[in-house]
Amino acid sequence: MEIDSYFTKNLNDQNKKLTVDDFETVKVIGRGSYGKVVLVKKTDSDEILAMKILKKKEMILRKQENHIKNERKIMEMIDHPFIIKLEYAFQNNKNLYLCTQFCPGGELFFHMQKIHRFNECAIKFYTAQVILGIDCLHKNNVIYRE
């Protein structure tokens, strides 16, 4: 698979390659068409992370190899408080694993559905965060399409 060689790199200059066994699953925090996101604890440090588990078979069937490579590259490259940072990336025969900072509180879309209408102060706050995040991406030659 074309995706394989790209995901064999370790992000944090470790001698030992990470595997799923280096993490303890706390709970599932999201599900999608390609896989799921679980809250995990890194066993050697008690570091809490979000682990995105993507099924290779699904990524290939849906021709998403380039998309996931770009996602990994951008998350690894960008360092900004309003953009999730990639901490680790690894794989096994069936899955790709992207471990990121865990940001409790959920996605903005979830809160928009729950509250239905933000007050003016909240609108200014979230708008500023989104604009600063997109500005950082643009300054790094990343064009965000959503």
C-alpha atoms as a PDB file:
ATOM      1  CA  MET A   1       0.000   0.000   0.000  1.00  0.00           C
ATOM      2  CA  GLU A   2       1.251   3.446  -0.903  1.00  0.00           C
ATOM      3  CA  ILE A   3       0.212   4.784   2.479  1.00  0.00           C
ATOM      4  CA  ASP A   4       2.484   2.398   4.433  1.00  0.00           C
ATOM      5  CA  SER A   5       5.903   3.926   3.988  1.00  0.00           C
ATOM      6  CA  TYR A   6       4.724   7.394   4.964  1.00  0.00           C
ATOM      7  CA  PHE A   7       3.320   6.266   8.314  1.00  0.00           C
ATOM      8  CA  THR A   8       6.370   4.330   9.470  1.00  0.00           C
ATOM      9  CA  LYS A   9       8.117   7.487  10.656  1.00  0.00           C
ATOM     10  CA  ASN A  10       8.077   8.324  14.345  1.00  0.00           C
ATOM     11  CA  LEU A  11       7.459  11.938  15.235  1.00  0.00           C
ATOM     12  CA  ASN A  12       9.313  12.176  18.524  1.00  0.00           C
ATOM     13  CA  ASP A  13      12.756  10.742  17.658  1.00  0.00           C
ATOM     14  CA  GLN A  14      12.120   7.555  19.574  1.00  0.00           C
ATOM     15  CA  ASN A  15      14.337   4.520  19.184  1.00  0.00           C
ATOM     16  CA  LYS A  16      11.356   2.239  19.730  1.00  0.00           C
ATOM     17  CA  LYS A  17       8.526   2.276  17.228  1.00  0.00           C
ATOM     18  CA  LEU A  18       5.170   2.796  18.877  1.00  0.00           C
ATOM     19  CA  THR A  19       2.335   0.301  18.641  1.00  0.00           C
ATOM     20  CA  VAL A  20      -1.233   0.310  19.823  1.00  0.00           C
ATOM     21  CA  ASP A  21      -0.019  -1.709  22.834  1.00  0.00           C
ATOM     22  CA  ASP A  22       1.802   1.401  24.119  1.00  0.00           C
ATOM     23  CA  PHE A  23      -1.596   2.969  24.868  1.00  0.00           C
ATOM     24  CA  GLU A  24      -4.445   2.096  27.199  1.00  0.00           C
ATOM     25  CA  THR A  25      -7.929   2.862  25.864  1.00  0.00           C
ATOM     26  CA  VAL A  26      -9.998   4.975  28.250  1.00  0.00           C
ATOM     27  CA  LYS A  27     -13.154   5.347  26.129  1.00  0.00           C
ATOM     28  CA  VAL A  28     -14.478   5.881  22.608  1.00  0.00           C
ATOM     29  CA  ILE A  29     -15.097   9.589  21.997  1.00  0.00           C
ATOM     30  CA  GLY A  30     -16.167   9.534  18.340  1.00  0.00           C
ATOM     31  CA  ARG A  31     -17.019   7.350  15.358  1.00  0.00           C
ATOM     32  CA  GLY A  32     -16.857   8.016  11.650  1.00  0.00           C
ATOM     33  CA  SER A  33     -17.029   6.258   8.312  1.00  0.00           C
ATOM     34  CA  TYR A  34     -13.273   5.519   8.239  1.00  0.00           C
ATOM     35  CA  GLY A  35     -12.780   4.528  11.868  1.00  0.00           C
ATOM     36  CA  LYS A  36     -13.061   5.969  15.350  1.00  0.00           C
ATOM     37  CA  VAL A  37     -11.443   8.297  17.875  1.00  0.00           C
ATOM     38  CA  VAL A  38     -10.602   6.997  21.333  1.00  0.00           C
ATOM     39  CA  LEU A  39      -9.312   8.673  24.456  1.00  0.00           C
ATOM     40  CA  VAL A  40      -6.078   6.909  25.411  1.00  0.00           C
ATOM     41  CA  LYS A  41      -3.396   7.021  28.065  1.00  0.00           C
ATOM     42  CA  LYS A  42       0.216   6.425  27.005  1.00  0.00           C
ATOM     43  CA  THR A  43       1.340   3.679  29.346  1.00  0.00           C
ATOM     44  CA  ASP A  44       4.902   4.857  29.952  1.00  0.00           C
ATOM     45  CA  SER A  45       4.020   8.469  30.775  1.00  0.00           C
ATOM     46  CA  ASP A  46       0.303   8.644  31.677  1.00  0.00           C
ATOM     47  CA  GLU A  47      -0.022  11.243  28.871  1.00  0.00           C
ATOM     48  CA  ILE A  48      -3.691  11.607  27.819  1.00  0.00           C
ATOM     49  CA  LEU A  49      -4.271  11.798  24.054  1.00  0.00           C
ATOM     50  CA  ALA A  50      -6.950  11.408  21.409  1.00  0.00           C
ATOM     51  CA  MET A  51      -6.159   8.503  19.081  1.00  0.00           C
ATOM     52  CA  LYS A  52      -7.737   8.537  15.631  1.00  0.00           C
ATOM     53  CA  ILE A  53      -7.874   4.981  14.298  1.00  0.00           C
ATOM     54  CA  LEU A  54      -8.340   4.801  10.530  1.00  0.00           C
ATOM     55  CA  LYS A  55      -9.019   1.575   8.656  1.00  0.00           C
ATOM     56  CA  LYS A  56      -6.516   1.221   5.811  1.00  0.00           C
ATOM     57  CA  LYS A  57      -8.946  -0.810   3.720  1.00  0.00           C
ATOM     58  CA  GLU A  58     -11.564   1.972   3.898  1.00  0.00           C
ATOM     59  CA  MET A  59      -9.014   4.691   3.117  1.00  0.00           C
ATOM     60  CA  ILE A  60      -7.868   2.824   0.010  1.00  0.00           C
ATOM     61  CA  LEU A  61     -11.387   1.908  -1.159  1.00  0.00           C
ATOM     62  CA  ARG A  62     -12.431   5.559  -0.927  1.00  0.00           C
ATOM     63  CA  LYS A  63      -9.167   6.787  -2.492  1.00  0.00           C
ATOM     64  CA  GLN A  64      -8.250   8.853   0.571  1.00  0.00           C
ATOM     65  CA  GLU A  65      -4.515   8.049   0.733  1.00  0.00           C
ATOM     66  CA  ASN A  66      -3.434  11.552  -0.306  1.00  0.00           C
ATOM     67  CA  HIS A  67      -5.984  13.154   2.000  1.00  0.00           C
ATOM     68  CA  ILE A  68      -4.700  11.320   5.082  1.00  0.00           C
ATOM     69  CA  LYS A  69      -1.062  11.929   4.120  1.00  0.00           C
ATOM     70  CA  ASN A  70      -1.806  15.651   3.881  1.00  0.00           C
ATOM     71  CA  GLU A  71      -3.707  15.628   7.176  1.00  0.00           C
ATOM     72  CA  ARG A  72      -0.748  14.017   8.927  1.00  0.00           C
ATOM     73  CA  LYS A  73       1.780  16.349   7.291  1.00  0.00           C
ATOM     74  CA  ILE A  74      -0.177  19.485   8.217  1.00  0.00           C
ATOM     75  CA  MET A  75      -0.865  18.385  11.800  1.00  0.00           C
ATOM     76  CA  GLU A  76       2.812  17.535  12.249  1.00  0.00           C
ATOM     77  CA  MET A  77       4.040  20.799  10.707  1.00  0.00           C
ATOM     78  CA  ILE A  78       1.711  23.374  12.303  1.00  0.00           C
ATOM     79  CA  ASP A  79       2.264  24.619  15.845  1.00  0.00           C
ATOM     80  CA  HIS A  80      -0.602  26.899  16.835  1.00  0.00           C
ATOM     81  CA  PRO A  81      -2.819  27.014  19.948  1.00  0.00           C
ATOM     82  CA  PHE A  82      -6.033  26.755  17.879  1.00  0.00           C
ATOM     83  CA  ILE A  83      -4.938  23.827  15.692  1.00  0.00           C
ATOM     84  CA  ILE A  84      -4.644  20.304  17.068  1.00  0.00           C
ATOM     85  CA  LYS A  85      -1.028  19.094  17.205  1.00  0.00           C
ATOM     86  CA  LEU A  86      -0.030  15.615  16.082  1.00  0.00           C
ATOM     87  CA  GLU A  87       2.039  13.888  18.767  1.00  0.00           C
ATOM     88  CA  TYR A  88       2.488  10.382  17.326  1.00  0.00           C
ATOM     89  CA  ALA A  89       1.673   8.503  14.116  1.00  0.00           C
ATOM     90  CA  PHE A  90       2.081   4.774  13.513  1.00  0.00           C
ATOM     91  CA  GLN A  91       0.386   1.829  11.872  1.00  0.00           C
ATOM     92  CA  ASN A  92      -0.186  -1.894  11.843  1.00  0.00           C
ATOM     93  CA  ASN A  93      -1.451  -4.193   9.065  1.00  0.00           C
ATOM     94  CA  LYS A  94      -5.060  -3.014   9.370  1.00  0.00           C
ATOM     95  CA  ASN A  95      -5.029   0.535  10.738  1.00  0.00           C
ATOM     96  CA  LEU A  96      -3.379   3.931  10.733  1.00  0.00           C
ATOM     97  CA  TYR A  97      -3.108   5.679  14.119  1.00  0.00           C
ATOM     98  CA  LEU A  98      -2.890   9.442  14.639  1.00  0.00           C
ATOM     99  CA  CYS A  99      -2.407  10.493  18.262  1.00  0.00           C
ATOM    100  CA  THR A 100      -3.119  14.135  18.995  1.00  0.00           C
ATOM    101  CA  GLN A 101      -3.484  16.440  21.925  1.00  0.00           C
ATOM    102  CA  PHE A 102      -6.759  15.798  23.707  1.00  0.00           C
ATOM    103  CA  CYS A 103      -8.935  18.904  23.856  1.00  0.00           C
ATOM    104  CA  PRO A 104     -11.886  18.277  26.142  1.00  0.00           C
ATOM    105  CA  GLY A 105     -15.092  20.075  25.364  1.00  0.00           C
ATOM    106  CA  GLY A 106     -15.901  18.747  21.934  1.00  0.00           C
ATOM    107  CA  GLU A 107     -16.140  20.346  18.533  1.00  0.00           C
ATOM    108  CA  LEU A 108     -17.592  23.778  17.879  1.00  0.00           C
ATOM    109  CA  PHE A 109     -20.263  22.209  15.656  1.00  0.00           C
ATOM    110  CA  PHE A 110     -21.495  20.111  18.615  1.00  0.00           C
ATOM    111  CA  HIS A 111     -21.910  23.230  20.747  1.00  0.00           C
ATOM    112  CA  MET A 112     -23.647  25.098  17.937  1.00  0.00           C
ATOM    113  CA  GLN A 113     -26.217  22.295  17.655  1.00  0.00           C
ATOM    114  CA  LYS A 114     -26.676  22.105  21.416  1.00  0.00           C
ATOM    115  CA  ILE A 115     -27.007  25.838  22.149  1.00  0.00           C
ATOM    116  CA  HIS A 116     -28.572  26.843  18.790  1.00  0.00           C
ATOM    117  CA  ARG A 117     -27.482  30.456  19.194  1.00  0.00           C
ATOM    118  CA  PHE A 118     -24.354  31.931  20.742  1.00  0.00           C
ATOM    119  CA  ASN A 119     -24.354  35.320  22.421  1.00  0.00           C
ATOM    120  CA  GLU A 120     -22.306  38.109  20.817  1.00  0.00           C
ATOM    121  CA  CYS A 121     -19.335  37.626  23.150  1.00  0.00           C
ATOM    122  CA  ALA A 122     -19.108  33.894  22.335  1.00  0.00           C
ATOM    123  CA  ILE A 123     -19.429  34.622  18.604  1.00  0.00           C
ATOM    124  CA  LYS A 124     -16.512  37.066  18.746  1.00  0.00           C
ATOM    125  CA  PHE A 125     -14.420  34.613  20.773  1.00  0.00           C
ATOM    126  CA  TYR A 126     -14.924  31.594  18.485  1.00  0.00           C
ATOM    127  CA  THR A 127     -14.688  33.674  15.293  1.00  0.00           C
ATOM    128  CA  ALA A 128     -11.330  35.082  16.394  1.00  0.00           C
ATOM    129  CA  GLN A 129     -10.018  31.575  17.132  1.00  0.00           C
ATOM    130  CA  VAL A 130     -11.131  30.226  13.753  1.00  0.00           C
ATOM    131  CA  ILE A 131      -9.666  33.209  11.878  1.00  0.00           C
ATOM    132  CA  LEU A 132      -6.334  32.944  13.695  1.00  0.00           C
ATOM    133  CA  GLY A 133      -6.170  29.200  12.971  1.00  0.00           C
ATOM    134  CA  ILE A 134      -6.952  29.692   9.270  1.00  0.00           C
ATOM    135  CA  ASP A 135      -4.471  32.581   9.113  1.00  0.00           C
ATOM    136  CA  CYS A 136      -1.750  30.297  10.491  1.00  0.00           C
ATOM    137  CA  LEU A 137      -2.575  27.652   7.873  1.00  0.00           C
ATOM    138  CA  HIS A 138      -2.459  30.223   5.080  1.00  0.00           C
ATOM    139  CA  LYS A 139       0.874  31.585   6.296  1.00  0.00           C
ATOM    140  CA  ASN A 140       2.192  28.019   6.000  1.00  0.00           C
ATOM    141  CA  ASN A 141       0.845  27.677   2.445  1.00  0.00           C
ATOM    142  CA  VAL A 142      -2.053  25.445   3.466  1.00  0.00           C
ATOM    143  CA  ILE A 143      -5.408  26.286   1.925  1.00  0.00           C
ATOM    144  CA  TYR A 144      -8.330  25.168   4.043  1.00  0.00           C
ATOM    145  CA  ARG A 145     -11.343  24.220   1.911  1.00  0.00           C
ATOM    146  CA  GLU A 146     -14.170  24.026   4.462  1.00  0.00           C
END
